[in-house]
C-alpha atoms as a PDB file:
ATOM      1  CA  MET A   1      -6.651   2.653 -52.580  1.00  0.00           C
ATOM      2  CA  GLY A   2      -8.766   5.237 -50.817  1.00  0.00           C
ATOM      3  CA  GLN A   3      -9.363   8.759 -51.952  1.00  0.00           C
ATOM      4  CA  LEU A   4      -8.550  11.928 -50.066  1.00  0.00           C
ATOM      5  CA  ASN A   5     -11.185  14.644 -50.357  1.00  0.00           C
ATOM      6  CA  ILE A   6      -9.912  18.001 -49.102  1.00  0.00           C
ATOM      7  CA  LYS A   7     -12.569  20.627 -48.436  1.00  0.00           C
ATOM      8  CA  ASP A   8     -10.289  23.325 -47.040  1.00  0.00           C
ATOM      9  CA  ALA A   9     -10.086  26.135 -49.596  1.00  0.00           C
ATOM     10  CA  ALA A  10      -7.009  27.716 -47.987  1.00  0.00           C
ATOM     11  CA  LEU A  11      -5.152  24.387 -47.989  1.00  0.00           C
ATOM     12  CA  ILE A  12      -6.047  23.770 -51.616  1.00  0.00           C
ATOM     13  CA  ALA A  13      -4.810  27.249 -52.557  1.00  0.00           C
ATOM     14  CA  GLU A  14      -1.534  26.698 -50.680  1.00  0.00           C
ATOM     15  CA  ALA A  15      -1.054  23.296 -52.304  1.00  0.00           C
ATOM     16  CA  ARG A  16      -1.555  24.852 -55.735  1.00  0.00           C
ATOM     17  CA  GLU A  17       0.855  27.672 -54.872  1.00  0.00           C
ATOM     18  CA  LEU A  18       3.459  25.166 -53.694  1.00  0.00           C
ATOM     19  CA  ALA A  19       3.004  23.123 -56.869  1.00  0.00           C
ATOM     20  CA  ALA A  20       3.533  26.225 -58.999  1.00  0.00           C
ATOM     21  CA  LEU A  21       6.646  27.207 -57.030  1.00  0.00           C
ATOM     22  CA  ILE A  22       8.288  23.808 -57.421  1.00  0.00           C
ATOM     23  CA  GLY A  23       6.997  23.236 -60.952  1.00  0.00           C
ATOM     24  CA  THR A  24       4.937  20.114 -60.402  1.00  0.00           C
ATOM     25  CA  THR A  25       1.366  18.939 -59.988  1.00  0.00           C
ATOM     26  CA  THR A  26      -0.665  19.635 -56.885  1.00  0.00           C
ATOM     27  CA  THR A  27      -0.710  15.915 -56.121  1.00  0.00           C
ATOM     28  CA  GLU A  28       3.074  15.671 -56.379  1.00  0.00           C
ATOM     29  CA  ALA A  29       3.539  18.789 -54.244  1.00  0.00           C
ATOM     30  CA  ILE A  30       1.335  17.286 -51.541  1.00  0.00           C
ATOM     31  CA  ARG A  31       3.126  13.933 -51.867  1.00  0.00           C
ATOM     32  CA  GLN A  32       6.517  15.591 -51.394  1.00  0.00           C
ATOM     33  CA  ALA A  33       5.310  17.744 -48.490  1.00  0.00           C
ATOM     34  CA  VAL A  34       3.834  14.755 -46.678  1.00  0.00           C
ATOM     35  CA  HIS A  35       6.913  12.636 -47.398  1.00  0.00           C
ATOM     36  CA  GLU A  36       9.273  15.330 -46.073  1.00  0.00           C
ATOM     37  CA  ARG A  37       7.187  15.940 -42.940  1.00  0.00           C
ATOM     38  CA  LEU A  38       6.880  12.214 -42.279  1.00  0.00           C
ATOM     39  CA  ALA A  39      10.651  11.831 -42.580  1.00  0.00           C
ATOM     40  CA  ARG A  40      11.249  14.741 -40.140  1.00  0.00           C
ATOM     41  CA  GLU A  41       8.744  13.404 -37.617  1.00  0.00           C
ATOM     42  CA  THR A  42      10.167   9.879 -37.828  1.00  0.00           C
ATOM     43  CA  LEU A  43      13.689  11.199 -37.346  1.00  0.00           C
ATOM     44  CA  ALA A  44      12.576  13.310 -34.366  1.00  0.00           C
ATOM     45  CA  ARG A  45      10.814  10.321 -32.783  1.00  0.00           C
ATOM     46  CA  ASP A  46      13.842   8.097 -33.280  1.00  0.00           C
ATOM     47  CA  ASP A  47      16.121  10.812 -31.886  1.00  0.00           C
ATOM     48  CA  HIS A  48      13.858  11.174 -28.830  1.00  0.00           C
ATOM     49  CA  ARG A  49      13.935   7.414 -28.237  1.00  0.00           C
ATOM     50  CA  ARG A  50      17.725   7.341 -28.613  1.00  0.00           C
ATOM     51  CA  ARG A  51      18.170  10.229 -26.139  1.00  0.00           C
ATOM     52  CA  ARG A  52      15.797   8.575 -23.659  1.00  0.00           C
ATOM     53  CA  TYR A  53      17.684   5.269 -23.964  1.00  0.00           C
ATOM     54  CA  GLU A  54      21.017   7.029 -23.445  1.00  0.00           C
ATOM     55  CA  ALA A  55      19.638   8.846 -20.373  1.00  0.00           C
ATOM     56  CA  ILE A  56      18.442   5.554 -18.882  1.00  0.00           C
ATOM     57  CA  MET A  57      21.793   3.897 -19.543  1.00  0.00           C
ATOM     58  CA  GLU A  58      23.603   6.857 -17.947  1.00  0.00           C
ATOM     59  CA  ILE A  59      21.440   6.514 -14.824  1.00  0.00           C
ATOM     60  CA  SER A  60      22.122   2.778 -14.822  1.00  0.00           C
ATOM     61  CA  ASP A  61      25.877   3.344 -15.040  1.00  0.00           C
ATOM     62  CA  ARG A  62      25.789   5.908 -12.211  1.00  0.00           C
ATOM     63  CA  THR A  63      23.635   3.831  -9.879  1.00  0.00           C
ATOM     64  CA  ALA A  64      25.584   0.615 -10.518  1.00  0.00           C
ATOM     65  CA  LYS A  65      28.496   2.231  -8.678  1.00  0.00           C
ATOM     66  CA  LEU A  66      26.341   2.618  -5.553  1.00  0.00           C
ATOM     67  CA  PHE A  67      26.040  -1.125  -4.985  1.00  0.00           C
ATOM     68  CA  PRO A  68      28.794  -3.059  -3.207  1.00  0.00           C
ATOM     69  CA  PRO A  69      30.850  -5.483  -5.321  1.00  0.00           C
ATOM     70  CA  GLY A  70      29.243  -8.910  -5.661  1.00  0.00           C
ATOM     71  CA  THR A  71      25.711  -7.562  -5.253  1.00  0.00           C
ATOM     72  CA  SER A  72      23.238  -9.199  -7.606  1.00  0.00           C
ATOM     73  CA  SER A  73      19.525  -9.476  -8.167  1.00  0.00           C
ATOM     74  CA  ASP A  74      19.656 -13.230  -7.494  1.00  0.00           C
ATOM     75  CA  HIS A  75      17.236 -13.895  -4.633  1.00  0.00           C
ATOM     76  CA  SER A  76      17.068 -17.655  -5.081  1.00  0.00           C
ATOM     77  CA  ASP A  77      17.918 -18.102  -1.401  1.00  0.00           C
ATOM     78  CA  LEU A  78      14.509 -16.598  -0.533  1.00  0.00           C
ATOM     79  CA  TYR A  79      12.458 -19.079  -2.618  1.00  0.00           C
ATOM     80  CA  ASP A  80      12.065 -22.827  -2.793  1.00  0.00           C
ATOM     81  CA  GLU A  81      12.486 -24.954  -5.911  1.00  0.00           C
ATOM     82  CA  ILE A  82       8.956 -24.205  -7.212  1.00  0.00           C
ATOM     83  CA  GLY A  83       9.250 -20.432  -6.628  1.00  0.00           C
ATOM     84  CA  LEU A  84       7.378 -20.096  -3.364  1.00  0.00           C
ATOM     85  CA  PRO A  85       8.801 -18.037  -0.491  1.00  0.00           C
ATOM     86  CA  LYS A  86      10.714 -20.114   2.070  1.00  0.00           C
END
């Protein structure tokens, strides 16, 4: 496993302060902070994808009503048996 070498004095001080506040080691405080942030970011990404999917499906439902009944995307009458235009 690789090693993380942090050379930011302010970050190190904040990590130590966080560790003292929650009563753990600096490593554990950083582990928890990264874990929590990763969980929030993953949830936000998944929520964004879900909202985008729902928006697309809503558009699909609305536009489907604009086509006359029996309309399909089957254009086989325009192509021959090997897929070339007639």
